[in-house]
Amino acid sequence: MISKKEHQLPFDTFLKELKQRMHNVFHTRADINSLAVKRGMPPFVMREIMDLNPLSVGIPTEYGGRGSIMRENIALLSTASYESLALSLTFGINSALFLQPVAKYAQEDAKKEVFNRFLNHQNMGGLMITEPGFGSDALNMQTSHTTENGISHI
């Protein structure tokens, strides 16, 4: 897949726009205090924030992401946690427990499909694994997918 990195904003500009968007969503469009005491977030909050593709930070450049640069991932989590711990946790789970393992272990076909869906369709995911000796071989795992009725299953 062709890298889209050359068409992306510099990271500092990207982060500044994300900060502005989060501030607008949490302080202008919604009341952050009422959001903080409710489980989940209203769909418009996630839609407006995800429109900036913050999870592209965890996607390799060869799949159209920002490059999976750890300091950028940490800066994203820090920025998000300033406005919403729930949002930061959401980003962290998606990055550390899904995007990074997919980038490292998935088969090529699965990588292309998953990263495309994250970048272009605001998909999210998580990966849970068990401890060694209890059924997993996390360091040697391979992610694969099948397509049934036009839907990919990982």
Foldseek 3Di string as FASTA:
>chain_A
DAFPQVVDDPLVVLLVVLLVQLCCVDPPVHPVVVQQVDPDDPPVNLVSNCVSLLLLCLADRRLHRNHNDPVSLVSSLVSVVVRPPVVSVQSCQQRVFPSVLCVVAEDPVVSNVVSCCVNPVVDGDGHDDDDPPPPDDSVHDYDDWDADPNDIDD
